[in-house]
Amino acid sequence: MEISSKMTTALAPLFHAARARAQTSAALVLTLACTLAPGFARAEALPAKPVTIVVPYAAGGTVDKVARQVQEGLRKQLAQTVVIDNRAGAGGTIGTGQIARSAPDGYTVGMVFDSFATEPHFYPKLPYASHRDLTGVSYMVRSPMVLVVPAASPYKTVQDYVTAARVPNKVSYASVGNGSSNQLVAEAFHEAAGTSGIHTPYKGGGPAINDLLGGHVDSMIASLPLVLPYVQSGKLRALAVTSRQRDARLPAVPAVAESYKGFEAYSWVGMIAPAKTPPEVLGKLTTAMTSTLRNPAIAKLLTDGGFDVVAGDAQQTNKLIQDESARWGRLIKARNIAVD
């Protein structure tokens, strides 16, 4: 069909209007897609720059050691530089606060200790709420704790220790500080055994171990990674482990549960991120950490050091934190445990 030049001229404005409407609609669709899915765009871009892991404790501690053991593997998984930033102070709450205030884009995450779950019970006026402002990324590793005494101690078995602890103010125990997992698990042990101990807090694991080795304090319930070298060298005697069953690294040492049914406690390390981090970004971080932890060389390094690799996902991490908070919150209230 032929169209006359007059008709073409007449229809031209209609063609231009239709094309303008189509272009506008396309722009609106693109804008809407970007608005509804910013997390997807960021997830695709991650990581486009270095990722910072905030460690809310000093260099050389348990959490810092784990961070540095996975640092290189995580760098390979993300194909990006991974920086460790130690922000110690106030029982880990200073560094944790920095994580909570960070942009929820996956470029700032944190690694926390078991005390993260009990912070709200000791510090009700924290500038952040862990359940609201932070979310789990990975339940990385856990380790049983060990009841240890100096090599020269008269306590050679759990029952020797319990018999002595039945006498008020006779047995002392060290911890890395008021409200620490060392104190909480020790109090849980004394609750189960119907005994008591004199709590002797220190400013860190180093000073506590030094005084324990010197016989200035009678005992300590500490994470396996912290005391394993001293037990293996014969400087400390292990009386019991807090895992459900005996630990393969200390096969001759009984579990507390063999004497007090159901007793079980672990020290653990996990990764967290700001709560509003998009699910796609969290998923990418979780996948990268899981692959890192399951790398045979890294897993062996952690296991030899006293840890058990868990490599749990974000949901498992959040459940762990919730369950631990409820469990230790009850004990804190029942035993009237407080921090300075």
C-alpha atoms as a PDB file:
ATOM      1  CA  MET A   1       0.000   0.000   0.000  1.00  0.00           C
ATOM      2  CA  GLU A   2       1.384   3.392  -0.882  1.00  0.00           C
ATOM      3  CA  ILE A   3       1.117   6.287   1.563  1.00  0.00           C
ATOM      4  CA  SER A   4       0.935   9.767   0.149  1.00  0.00           C
ATOM      5  CA  SER A   5       3.330  12.480   1.334  1.00  0.00           C
ATOM      6  CA  LYS A   6       0.381  14.423   2.747  1.00  0.00           C
ATOM      7  CA  MET A   7      -0.688  11.434   4.891  1.00  0.00           C
ATOM      8  CA  THR A   8       2.914  10.893   6.068  1.00  0.00           C
ATOM      9  CA  THR A   9       3.133  14.507   7.098  1.00  0.00           C
ATOM     10  CA  ALA A  10      -0.166  14.221   8.950  1.00  0.00           C
ATOM     11  CA  LEU A  11       0.795  11.069  10.835  1.00  0.00           C
ATOM     12  CA  ALA A  12       4.325  12.206  11.804  1.00  0.00           C
ATOM     13  CA  PRO A  13       3.300  13.843  15.112  1.00  0.00           C
ATOM     14  CA  LEU A  14       1.530  10.628  16.152  1.00  0.00           C
ATOM     15  CA  PHE A  15       4.646   8.541  15.413  1.00  0.00           C
ATOM     16  CA  HIS A  16       6.845  10.915  17.417  1.00  0.00           C
ATOM     17  CA  ALA A  17       4.441  10.871  20.384  1.00  0.00           C
ATOM     18  CA  ALA A  18       4.278   7.065  20.413  1.00  0.00           C
ATOM     19  CA  ARG A  19       8.064   6.776  20.287  1.00  0.00           C
ATOM     20  CA  ALA A  20       8.422   9.268  23.181  1.00  0.00           C
ATOM     21  CA  ARG A  21       5.911   7.278  25.268  1.00  0.00           C
ATOM     22  CA  ALA A  22       7.852   4.050  24.593  1.00  0.00           C
ATOM     23  CA  GLN A  23      11.138   5.633  25.619  1.00  0.00           C
ATOM     24  CA  THR A  24       9.592   7.002  28.808  1.00  0.00           C
ATOM     25  CA  SER A  25       8.102   3.603  29.691  1.00  0.00           C
ATOM     26  CA  ALA A  26      11.462   1.894  29.187  1.00  0.00           C
ATOM     27  CA  ALA A  27      13.165   4.436  31.442  1.00  0.00           C
ATOM     28  CA  LEU A  28      10.532   3.921  34.138  1.00  0.00           C
ATOM     29  CA  VAL A  29      10.932   0.144  33.979  1.00  0.00           C
ATOM     30  CA  LEU A  30      14.712   0.452  34.324  1.00  0.00           C
ATOM     31  CA  THR A  31      14.390   2.879  37.237  1.00  0.00           C
ATOM     32  CA  LEU A  32      11.879   0.610  38.990  1.00  0.00           C
ATOM     33  CA  ALA A  33      14.114  -2.412  38.540  1.00  0.00           C
ATOM     34  CA  CYS A  34      17.092  -0.597  40.066  1.00  0.00           C
ATOM     35  CA  THR A  35      14.925   0.643  42.945  1.00  0.00           C
ATOM     36  CA  LEU A  36      13.509  -2.764  43.759  1.00  0.00           C
ATOM     37  CA  ALA A  37      16.747  -4.678  43.467  1.00  0.00           C
ATOM     38  CA  PRO A  38      19.661  -2.602  44.804  1.00  0.00           C
ATOM     39  CA  GLY A  39      20.892  -5.593  46.736  1.00  0.00           C
ATOM     40  CA  PHE A  40      21.207  -7.603  43.551  1.00  0.00           C
ATOM     41  CA  ALA A  41      23.276  -4.882  41.912  1.00  0.00           C
ATOM     42  CA  ARG A  42      25.573  -4.674  44.919  1.00  0.00           C
ATOM     43  CA  ALA A  43      25.809  -8.457  45.137  1.00  0.00           C
ATOM     44  CA  GLU A  44      26.912  -8.628  41.524  1.00  0.00           C
ATOM     45  CA  ALA A  45      29.567  -5.981  42.189  1.00  0.00           C
ATOM     46  CA  LEU A  46      30.879  -7.483  45.459  1.00  0.00           C
ATOM     47  CA  PRO A  47      33.744  -7.415  45.978  1.00  0.00           C
ATOM     48  CA  ALA A  48      34.907  -4.403  44.017  1.00  0.00           C
ATOM     49  CA  LYS A  49      37.204  -3.152  46.788  1.00  0.00           C
ATOM     50  CA  PRO A  50      38.940  -4.549  49.920  1.00  0.00           C
ATOM     51  CA  VAL A  51      36.798  -6.249  52.564  1.00  0.00           C
ATOM     52  CA  THR A  52      37.501  -5.304  56.184  1.00  0.00           C
ATOM     53  CA  ILE A  53      37.075  -7.772  59.040  1.00  0.00           C
ATOM     54  CA  VAL A  54      36.710  -5.908  62.332  1.00  0.00           C
ATOM     55  CA  VAL A  55      38.043  -7.963  65.255  1.00  0.00           C
ATOM     56  CA  PRO A  56      36.748  -6.401  68.508  1.00  0.00           C
ATOM     57  CA  TYR A  57      39.722  -7.774  70.472  1.00  0.00           C
ATOM     58  CA  ALA A  58      43.462  -7.251  70.633  1.00  0.00           C
ATOM     59  CA  ALA A  59      45.890  -8.890  68.251  1.00  0.00           C
ATOM     60  CA  GLY A  60      47.089 -12.304  69.386  1.00  0.00           C
ATOM     61  CA  GLY A  61      43.856 -13.373  71.058  1.00  0.00           C
ATOM     62  CA  THR A  62      41.684 -16.318  70.055  1.00  0.00           C
ATOM     63  CA  VAL A  63      39.398 -14.425  67.672  1.00  0.00           C
ATOM     64  CA  ASP A  64      42.327 -12.614  66.086  1.00  0.00           C
ATOM     65  CA  LYS A  65      44.164 -15.904  65.524  1.00  0.00           C
ATOM     66  CA  VAL A  66      41.154 -17.435  63.779  1.00  0.00           C
ATOM     67  CA  ALA A  67      40.743 -14.303  61.644  1.00  0.00           C
ATOM     68  CA  ARG A  68      44.342 -14.497  60.485  1.00  0.00           C
ATOM     69  CA  GLN A  69      44.131 -18.233  59.813  1.00  0.00           C
ATOM     70  CA  VAL A  70      41.227 -17.732  57.397  1.00  0.00           C
ATOM     71  CA  GLN A  71      42.346 -14.377  55.966  1.00  0.00           C
ATOM     72  CA  GLU A  72      44.298 -15.696  52.993  1.00  0.00           C
ATOM     73  CA  GLY A  73      41.727 -18.351  52.114  1.00  0.00           C
ATOM     74  CA  LEU A  74      38.925 -15.783  52.208  1.00  0.00           C
ATOM     75  CA  ARG A  75      40.974 -13.472  50.009  1.00  0.00           C
ATOM     76  CA  LYS A  76      41.236 -16.206  47.401  1.00  0.00           C
ATOM     77  CA  GLN A  77      37.517 -16.968  47.572  1.00  0.00           C
ATOM     78  CA  LEU A  78      36.523 -13.320  47.173  1.00  0.00           C
ATOM     79  CA  ALA A  79      39.366 -12.497  44.757  1.00  0.00           C
ATOM     80  CA  GLN A  80      39.886  -9.321  46.752  1.00  0.00           C
ATOM     81  CA  THR A  81      42.096  -8.001  49.556  1.00  0.00           C
ATOM     82  CA  VAL A  82      40.885  -8.844  53.070  1.00  0.00           C
ATOM     83  CA  VAL A  83      42.018  -6.464  55.829  1.00  0.00           C
ATOM     84  CA  ILE A  84      41.888  -7.260  59.567  1.00  0.00           C
ATOM     85  CA  ASP A  85      41.141  -4.265  61.805  1.00  0.00           C
ATOM     86  CA  ASN A  86      41.611  -4.841  65.568  1.00  0.00           C
ATOM     87  CA  ARG A  87      39.334  -2.566  67.593  1.00  0.00           C
ATOM     88  CA  ALA A  88      39.678  -3.775  71.175  1.00  0.00           C
ATOM     89  CA  GLY A  89      38.068  -2.364  74.307  1.00  0.00           C
ATOM     90  CA  ALA A  90      35.074  -2.572  76.643  1.00  0.00           C
ATOM     91  CA  GLY A  91      34.745  -6.344  76.380  1.00  0.00           C
ATOM     92  CA  GLY A  92      34.483  -6.245  72.603  1.00  0.00           C
ATOM     93  CA  THR A  93      31.614  -3.761  72.494  1.00  0.00           C
ATOM     94  CA  ILE A  94      33.639  -0.924  70.916  1.00  0.00           C
ATOM     95  CA  GLY A  95      34.537  -2.927  67.832  1.00  0.00           C
ATOM     96  CA  THR A  96      31.099  -4.494  67.648  1.00  0.00           C
ATOM     97  CA  GLY A  97      29.559  -1.033  67.707  1.00  0.00           C
ATOM     98  CA  GLN A  98      31.706  -0.076  64.733  1.00  0.00           C
ATOM     99  CA  ILE A  99      30.391  -3.089  62.815  1.00  0.00           C
ATOM    100  CA  ALA A 100      26.801  -2.141  63.649  1.00  0.00           C
ATOM    101  CA  ARG A 101      27.363   1.416  62.367  1.00  0.00           C
ATOM    102  CA  SER A 102      29.056   0.337  59.132  1.00  0.00           C
ATOM    103  CA  ALA A 103      27.380   0.578  55.758  1.00  0.00           C
ATOM    104  CA  PRO A 104      25.393  -2.622  55.046  1.00  0.00           C
ATOM    105  CA  ASP A 105      27.187  -3.333  51.790  1.00  0.00           C
ATOM    106  CA  GLY A 106      29.297  -6.379  52.649  1.00  0.00           C
ATOM    107  CA  TYR A 107      32.587  -4.497  52.775  1.00  0.00           C
ATOM    108  CA  THR A 108      32.747  -4.340  56.578  1.00  0.00           C
ATOM    109  CA  VAL A 109      32.050  -7.476  58.597  1.00  0.00           C
ATOM    110  CA  GLY A 110      33.166  -8.616  62.025  1.00  0.00           C
ATOM    111  CA  MET A 111      34.327 -11.670  63.880  1.00  0.00           C
ATOM    112  CA  VAL A 112      33.037 -12.231  67.377  1.00  0.00           C
ATOM    113  CA  PHE A 113      33.570 -14.542  70.325  1.00  0.00           C
ATOM    114  CA  ASP A 114      31.037 -16.392  72.452  1.00  0.00           C
ATOM    115  CA  SER A 115      30.735 -13.334  74.723  1.00  0.00           C
ATOM    116  CA  PHE A 116      28.835 -11.574  71.918  1.00  0.00           C
ATOM    117  CA  ALA A 117      25.706 -13.509  72.933  1.00  0.00           C
ATOM    118  CA  THR A 118      25.915 -12.365  76.563  1.00  0.00           C
ATOM    119  CA  GLU A 119      26.772  -8.679  76.054  1.00  0.00           C
ATOM    120  CA  PRO A 120      23.145  -7.489  76.368  1.00  0.00           C
ATOM    121  CA  HIS A 121      22.876  -9.113  79.806  1.00  0.00           C
ATOM    122  CA  PHE A 122      25.865  -7.177  81.109  1.00  0.00           C
ATOM    123  CA  TYR A 123      25.577  -3.928  79.145  1.00  0.00           C
ATOM    124  CA  PRO A 124      21.885  -2.984  78.900  1.00  0.00           C
ATOM    125  CA  LYS A 125      22.713   0.507  77.569  1.00  0.00           C
ATOM    126  CA  LEU A 126      24.768  -0.522  74.558  1.00  0.00           C
ATOM    127  CA  PRO A 127      24.518   1.904  71.615  1.00  0.00           C
ATOM    128  CA  TYR A 128      23.365  -1.002  69.463  1.00  0.00           C
ATOM    129  CA  ALA A 129      21.041  -3.989  69.795  1.00  0.00           C
ATOM    130  CA  SER A 130      22.596  -7.174  68.494  1.00  0.00           C
ATOM    131  CA  HIS A 131      19.245  -8.693  67.452  1.00  0.00           C
ATOM    132  CA  ARG A 132      18.249  -5.519  65.582  1.00  0.00           C
ATOM    133  CA  ASP A 133      21.458  -4.025  64.234  1.00  0.00           C
ATOM    134  CA  LEU A 134      23.549  -7.105  63.451  1.00  0.00           C
ATOM    135  CA  THR A 135      23.072 -10.438  61.736  1.00  0.00           C
ATOM    136  CA  GLY A 136      25.031 -13.648  61.509  1.00  0.00           C
ATOM    137  CA  VAL A 137      27.111 -14.555  58.463  1.00  0.00           C
ATOM    138  CA  SER A 138      28.909 -17.727  59.536  1.00  0.00           C
ATOM    139  CA  TYR A 139      29.093 -19.953  62.609  1.00  0.00           C
ATOM    140  CA  MET A 140      32.754 -20.609  61.911  1.00  0.00           C
ATOM    141  CA  VAL A 141      34.372 -22.764  64.589  1.00  0.00           C
ATOM    142  CA  ARG A 142      33.849 -23.973  68.105  1.00  0.00           C
ATOM    143  CA  SER A 143      36.028 -25.625  70.714  1.00  0.00           C
ATOM    144  CA  PRO A 144      35.392 -27.473  73.939  1.00  0.00           C
ATOM    145  CA  MET A 145      36.659 -25.918  77.123  1.00  0.00           C
ATOM    146  CA  VAL A 146      38.948 -27.680  79.568  1.00  0.00           C
ATOM    147  CA  LEU A 147      39.133 -27.697  83.362  1.00  0.00           C
ATOM    148  CA  VAL A 148      42.863 -27.397  84.028  1.00  0.00           C
ATOM    149  CA  VAL A 149      45.038 -27.159  87.132  1.00  0.00           C
ATOM    150  CA  PRO A 150      48.788 -26.634  87.562  1.00  0.00           C
ATOM    151  CA  ALA A 151      50.943 -29.737  87.078  1.00  0.00           C
ATOM    152  CA  ALA A 152      51.853 -29.674  90.778  1.00  0.00           C
ATOM    153  CA  SER A 153      48.214 -29.424  91.921  1.00  0.00           C
ATOM    154  CA  PRO A 154      46.955 -32.012  94.408  1.00  0.00           C
ATOM    155  CA  TYR A 155      43.806 -32.342  92.286  1.00  0.00           C
ATOM    156  CA  LYS A 156      44.361 -35.255  89.929  1.00  0.00           C
ATOM    157  CA  THR A 157      40.737 -36.020  88.997  1.00  0.00           C
ATOM    158  CA  VAL A 158      37.422 -34.219  88.671  1.00  0.00           C
ATOM    159  CA  GLN A 159      36.270 -35.788  91.902  1.00  0.00           C
ATOM    160  CA  ASP A 160      39.363 -34.541  93.727  1.00  0.00           C
ATOM    161  CA  TYR A 161      38.517 -31.053  92.540  1.00  0.00           C
ATOM    162  CA  VAL A 162      34.818 -31.339  93.413  1.00  0.00           C
ATOM    163  CA  THR A 163      35.581 -32.675  96.891  1.00  0.00           C
ATOM    164  CA  ALA A 164      37.820 -29.675  97.573  1.00  0.00           C
ATOM    165  CA  ALA A 165      35.302 -27.230  96.086  1.00  0.00           C
ATOM    166  CA  ARG A 166      32.610 -28.434  98.488  1.00  0.00           C
ATOM    167  CA  VAL A 167      34.495 -26.508 101.167  1.00  0.00           C
ATOM    168  CA  PRO A 168      33.506 -22.827 100.845  1.00  0.00           C
ATOM    169  CA  ASN A 169      36.245 -20.442  99.721  1.00  0.00           C
ATOM    170  CA  LYS A 170      38.828 -23.173  99.249  1.00  0.00           C
ATOM    171  CA  VAL A 171      39.198 -23.465  95.477  1.00  0.00           C
ATOM    172  CA  SER A 172      39.874 -20.500  93.205  1.00  0.00           C
ATOM    173  CA  TYR A 173      39.438 -20.267  89.461  1.00  0.00           C
ATOM    174  CA  ALA A 174      40.818 -17.825  86.910  1.00  0.00           C
ATOM    175  CA  SER A 175      39.054 -16.150  84.005  1.00  0.00           C
ATOM    176  CA  VAL A 176      39.943 -13.633  81.327  1.00  0.00           C
ATOM    177  CA  GLY A 177      37.564 -11.142  82.922  1.00  0.00           C
ATOM    178  CA  ASN A 178      34.244 -10.626  84.644  1.00  0.00           C
ATOM    179  CA  GLY A 179      31.382 -11.946  82.546  1.00  0.00           C
ATOM    180  CA  SER A 180      33.697 -13.922  80.266  1.00  0.00           C
ATOM    181  CA  SER A 181      32.831 -17.384  79.002  1.00  0.00           C
ATOM    182  CA  ASN A 182      35.516 -18.734  81.349  1.00  0.00           C
ATOM    183  CA  GLN A 183      33.592 -17.421  84.321  1.00  0.00           C
ATOM    184  CA  LEU A 184      30.200 -18.488  83.001  1.00  0.00           C
ATOM    185  CA  VAL A 185      31.219 -22.070  82.232  1.00  0.00           C
ATOM    186  CA  ALA A 186      33.033 -22.347  85.571  1.00  0.00           C
ATOM    187  CA  GLU A 187      29.889 -21.160  87.359  1.00  0.00           C
ATOM    188  CA  ALA A 188      27.802 -23.621  85.340  1.00  0.00           C
ATOM    189  CA  PHE A 189      30.177 -26.390  86.419  1.00  0.00           C
ATOM    190  CA  HIS A 190      29.911 -25.408  90.088  1.00  0.00           C
ATOM    191  CA  GLU A 191      26.136 -25.196  89.770  1.00  0.00           C
ATOM    192  CA  ALA A 192      26.021 -28.731  88.331  1.00  0.00           C
ATOM    193  CA  ALA A 193      28.380 -30.087  90.992  1.00  0.00           C
ATOM    194  CA  GLY A 194      26.765 -28.240  93.888  1.00  0.00           C
ATOM    195  CA  THR A 195      30.060 -26.560  94.757  1.00  0.00           C
ATOM    196  CA  SER A 196      31.566 -23.081  94.668  1.00  0.00           C
ATOM    197  CA  GLY A 197      34.794 -21.388  93.666  1.00  0.00           C
ATOM    198  CA  ILE A 198      36.487 -18.052  94.208  1.00  0.00           C
ATOM    199  CA  HIS A 199      36.459 -16.145  90.942  1.00  0.00           C
ATOM    200  CA  THR A 200      39.770 -14.480  90.090  1.00  0.00           C
ATOM    201  CA  PRO A 201      39.425 -12.313  86.958  1.00  0.00           C
ATOM    202  CA  TYR A 202      42.393 -11.249  84.823  1.00  0.00           C
ATOM    203  CA  LYS A 203      42.775  -8.866  81.905  1.00  0.00           C
ATOM    204  CA  GLY A 204      43.244 -11.488  79.239  1.00  0.00           C
ATOM    205  CA  GLY A 205      44.267 -15.095  78.766  1.00  0.00           C
ATOM    206  CA  GLY A 206      48.013 -14.454  79.024  1.00  0.00           C
ATOM    207  CA  PRO A 207      48.015 -13.111  82.591  1.00  0.00           C
ATOM    208  CA  ALA A 208      45.512 -15.759  83.703  1.00  0.00           C
ATOM    209  CA  ILE A 209      47.615 -18.613  82.326  1.00  0.00           C
ATOM    210  CA  ASN A 210      50.799 -17.164  83.822  1.00  0.00           C
ATOM    211  CA  ASP A 211      49.310 -17.078  87.305  1.00  0.00           C
ATOM    212  CA  LEU A 212      47.843 -20.540  86.829  1.00  0.00           C
ATOM    213  CA  LEU A 213      51.237 -21.911  85.810  1.00  0.00           C
ATOM    214  CA  GLY A 214      52.759 -20.234  88.842  1.00  0.00           C
ATOM    215  CA  GLY A 215      50.235 -21.786  91.207  1.00  0.00           C
ATOM    216  CA  HIS A 216      48.779 -18.434  92.246  1.00  0.00           C
ATOM    217  CA  VAL A 217      45.297 -19.632  91.288  1.00  0.00           C
ATOM    218  CA  ASP A 218      43.987 -23.192  91.606  1.00  0.00           C
ATOM    219  CA  SER A 219      42.182 -23.784  88.321  1.00  0.00           C
ATOM    220  CA  MET A 220      40.707 -22.438  85.139  1.00  0.00           C
ATOM    221  CA  ILE A 221      38.118 -23.551  82.614  1.00  0.00           C
ATOM    222  CA  ALA A 222      39.526 -22.284  79.338  1.00  0.00           C
ATOM    223  CA  SER A 223      39.122 -22.915  75.632  1.00  0.00           C
ATOM    224  CA  LEU A 224      41.064 -25.875  74.293  1.00  0.00           C
ATOM    225  CA  PRO A 225      43.143 -23.743  71.868  1.00  0.00           C
ATOM    226  CA  LEU A 226      44.365 -21.612  74.774  1.00  0.00           C
ATOM    227  CA  VAL A 227      45.502 -24.439  77.060  1.00  0.00           C
ATOM    228  CA  LEU A 228      46.271 -27.333  74.693  1.00  0.00           C
ATOM    229  CA  PRO A 229      49.997 -26.500  74.304  1.00  0.00           C
ATOM    230  CA  TYR A 230      50.441 -26.350  78.094  1.00  0.00           C
ATOM    231  CA  VAL A 231      48.608 -29.642  78.618  1.00  0.00           C
ATOM    232  CA  GLN A 232      50.651 -31.331  75.913  1.00  0.00           C
ATOM    233  CA  SER A 233      53.889 -30.042  77.434  1.00  0.00           C
ATOM    234  CA  GLY A 234      52.909 -31.228  80.915  1.00  0.00           C
ATOM    235  CA  LYS A 235      52.770 -27.762  82.446  1.00  0.00           C
ATOM    236  CA  LEU A 236      49.041 -28.028  83.109  1.00  0.00           C
ATOM    237  CA  ARG A 237      46.906 -31.028  84.024  1.00  0.00           C
ATOM    238  CA  ALA A 238      43.554 -31.436  82.269  1.00  0.00           C
ATOM    239  CA  LEU A 239      40.826 -32.818  84.516  1.00  0.00           C
ATOM    240  CA  ALA A 240      37.818 -32.682  82.183  1.00  0.00           C
ATOM    241  CA  VAL A 241      36.526 -31.335  78.871  1.00  0.00           C
ATOM    242  CA  THR A 242      33.165 -29.635  78.440  1.00  0.00           C
ATOM    243  CA  SER A 243      32.215 -31.308  75.159  1.00  0.00           C
ATOM    244  CA  ARG A 244      29.456 -33.912  75.239  1.00  0.00           C
ATOM    245  CA  GLN A 245      32.021 -36.664  74.741  1.00  0.00           C
ATOM    246  CA  ARG A 246      35.776 -36.941  75.134  1.00  0.00           C
ATOM    247  CA  ASP A 247      37.853 -34.962  72.682  1.00  0.00           C
ATOM    248  CA  ALA A 248      40.133 -36.852  70.297  1.00  0.00           C
ATOM    249  CA  ARG A 249      42.954 -34.411  71.024  1.00  0.00           C
ATOM    250  CA  LEU A 250      42.805 -35.335  74.734  1.00  0.00           C
ATOM    251  CA  PRO A 251      41.419 -38.885  74.650  1.00  0.00           C
ATOM    252  CA  ALA A 252      42.435 -39.742  78.215  1.00  0.00           C
ATOM    253  CA  VAL A 253      40.586 -36.743  79.673  1.00  0.00           C
ATOM    254  CA  PRO A 254      36.975 -37.442  80.682  1.00  0.00           C
ATOM    255  CA  ALA A 255      34.048 -35.247  79.723  1.00  0.00           C
ATOM    256  CA  VAL A 256      32.292 -33.351  82.508  1.00  0.00           C
ATOM    257  CA  ALA A 257      29.112 -35.062  81.256  1.00  0.00           C
ATOM    258  CA  GLU A 258      30.495 -38.402  82.478  1.00  0.00           C
ATOM    259  CA  SER A 259      30.053 -37.078  86.014  1.00  0.00           C
ATOM    260  CA  TYR A 260      27.207 -34.605  85.461  1.00  0.00           C
ATOM    261  CA  LYS A 261      24.818 -35.797  82.801  1.00  0.00           C
ATOM    262  CA  GLY A 262      23.923 -33.346  80.079  1.00  0.00           C
ATOM    263  CA  PHE A 263      26.702 -30.878  80.811  1.00  0.00           C
ATOM    264  CA  GLU A 264      28.019 -29.348  77.603  1.00  0.00           C
ATOM    265  CA  ALA A 265      29.590 -26.007  76.742  1.00  0.00           C
ATOM    266  CA  TYR A 266      31.713 -24.610  73.939  1.00  0.00           C
ATOM    267  CA  SER A 267      33.699 -21.560  73.099  1.00  0.00           C
ATOM    268  CA  TRP A 268      32.946 -20.368  69.561  1.00  0.00           C
ATOM    269  CA  VAL A 269      33.873 -17.815  66.920  1.00  0.00           C
ATOM    270  CA  GLY A 270      31.502 -16.427  64.291  1.00  0.00           C
ATOM    271  CA  MET A 271      31.213 -13.771  61.617  1.00  0.00           C
ATOM    272  CA  ILE A 272      28.568 -11.025  61.718  1.00  0.00           C
ATOM    273  CA  ALA A 273      27.520  -8.108  59.507  1.00  0.00           C
ATOM    274  CA  PRO A 274      25.232  -5.066  59.718  1.00  0.00           C
ATOM    275  CA  ALA A 275      21.608  -6.218  59.838  1.00  0.00           C
ATOM    276  CA  LYS A 276      20.480  -4.476  56.642  1.00  0.00           C
ATOM    277  CA  THR A 277      23.090  -6.125  54.453  1.00  0.00           C
ATOM    278  CA  PRO A 278      21.184  -7.496  51.405  1.00  0.00           C
ATOM    279  CA  PRO A 279      20.554 -11.271  51.497  1.00  0.00           C
ATOM    280  CA  GLU A 280      22.431 -11.748  48.229  1.00  0.00           C
ATOM    281  CA  VAL A 281      25.530 -10.124  49.699  1.00  0.00           C
ATOM    282  CA  LEU A 282      25.274 -12.137  52.919  1.00  0.00           C
ATOM    283  CA  GLY A 283      24.933 -15.278  50.841  1.00  0.00           C
ATOM    284  CA  LYS A 284      28.084 -14.492  48.912  1.00  0.00           C
ATOM    285  CA  LEU A 285      30.026 -13.869  52.136  1.00  0.00           C
ATOM    286  CA  THR A 286      28.687 -17.056  53.739  1.00  0.00           C
ATOM    287  CA  THR A 287      29.598 -19.130  50.693  1.00  0.00           C
ATOM    288  CA  ALA A 288      33.108 -17.678  50.630  1.00  0.00           C
ATOM    289  CA  MET A 289      33.663 -18.364  54.335  1.00  0.00           C
ATOM    290  CA  THR A 290      32.242 -21.889  54.101  1.00  0.00           C
ATOM    291  CA  SER A 291      34.589 -22.728  51.236  1.00  0.00           C
ATOM    292  CA  THR A 292      37.507 -21.243  53.150  1.00  0.00           C
ATOM    293  CA  LEU A 293      36.786 -23.244  56.306  1.00  0.00           C
ATOM    294  CA  ARG A 294      36.381 -26.464  54.349  1.00  0.00           C
ATOM    295  CA  ASN A 295      39.710 -26.047  52.620  1.00  0.00           C
ATOM    296  CA  PRO A 296      41.636 -29.123  53.890  1.00  0.00           C
ATOM    297  CA  ALA A 297      44.793 -27.174  54.759  1.00  0.00           C
ATOM    298  CA  ILE A 298      42.907 -24.469  56.682  1.00  0.00           C
ATOM    299  CA  ALA A 299      40.624 -26.992  58.391  1.00  0.00           C
ATOM    300  CA  LYS A 300      43.670 -28.979  59.571  1.00  0.00           C
ATOM    301  CA  LEU A 301      45.330 -25.833  60.866  1.00  0.00           C
ATOM    302  CA  LEU A 302      42.239 -24.971  62.893  1.00  0.00           C
ATOM    303  CA  THR A 303      41.709 -28.530  64.133  1.00  0.00           C
ATOM    304  CA  ASP A 304      45.322 -28.932  65.203  1.00  0.00           C
ATOM    305  CA  GLY A 305      44.937 -25.700  67.130  1.00  0.00           C
ATOM    306  CA  GLY A 306      41.992 -27.036  69.144  1.00  0.00           C
ATOM    307  CA  PHE A 307      39.019 -25.879  67.076  1.00  0.00           C
ATOM    308  CA  ASP A 308      36.263 -27.860  65.382  1.00  0.00           C
ATOM    309  CA  VAL A 309      35.129 -26.472  62.033  1.00  0.00           C
ATOM    310  CA  VAL A 310      31.368 -25.873  61.925  1.00  0.00           C
ATOM    311  CA  ALA A 311      30.951 -23.651  58.823  1.00  0.00           C
ATOM    312  CA  GLY A 312      27.322 -22.928  59.682  1.00  0.00           C
ATOM    313  CA  ASP A 313      25.253 -20.498  57.609  1.00  0.00           C
ATOM    314  CA  ALA A 314      23.647 -17.211  58.625  1.00  0.00           C
ATOM    315  CA  GLN A 315      20.512 -18.865  59.987  1.00  0.00           C
ATOM    316  CA  GLN A 316      22.529 -21.259  62.147  1.00  0.00           C
ATOM    317  CA  THR A 317      24.629 -18.364  63.418  1.00  0.00           C
ATOM    318  CA  ASN A 318      21.594 -16.335  64.454  1.00  0.00           C
ATOM    319  CA  LYS A 319      20.045 -19.356  66.182  1.00  0.00           C
ATOM    320  CA  LEU A 320      23.285 -20.027  68.048  1.00  0.00           C
ATOM    321  CA  ILE A 321      23.411 -16.445  69.310  1.00  0.00           C
ATOM    322  CA  GLN A 322      19.761 -16.566  70.389  1.00  0.00           C
ATOM    323  CA  ASP A 323      20.120 -19.916  72.180  1.00  0.00           C
ATOM    324  CA  GLU A 324      23.374 -18.942  73.897  1.00  0.00           C
ATOM    325  CA  SER A 325      21.887 -15.661  75.069  1.00  0.00           C
ATOM    326  CA  ALA A 326      18.916 -17.451  76.637  1.00  0.00           C
ATOM    327  CA  ARG A 327      21.059 -20.145  78.280  1.00  0.00           C
ATOM    328  CA  TRP A 328      23.669 -17.879  79.822  1.00  0.00           C
ATOM    329  CA  GLY A 329      21.166 -15.152  80.624  1.00  0.00           C
ATOM    330  CA  ARG A 330      19.462 -17.566  83.019  1.00  0.00           C
ATOM    331  CA  LEU A 331      22.770 -18.448  84.696  1.00  0.00           C
ATOM    332  CA  ILE A 332      23.838 -14.807  84.948  1.00  0.00           C
ATOM    333  CA  LYS A 333      20.652 -13.985  86.796  1.00  0.00           C
ATOM    334  CA  ALA A 334      20.666 -17.129  88.956  1.00  0.00           C
ATOM    335  CA  ARG A 335      24.309 -16.732  90.039  1.00  0.00           C
ATOM    336  CA  ASN A 336      24.140 -12.922  90.246  1.00  0.00           C
ATOM    337  CA  ILE A 337      27.069 -12.471  87.858  1.00  0.00           C
ATOM    338  CA  ALA A 338      28.030  -8.920  86.980  1.00  0.00           C
ATOM    339  CA  VAL A 339      30.820  -6.958  85.288  1.00  0.00           C
ATOM    340  CA  ASP A 340      32.640  -3.965  86.721  1.00  0.00           C
END
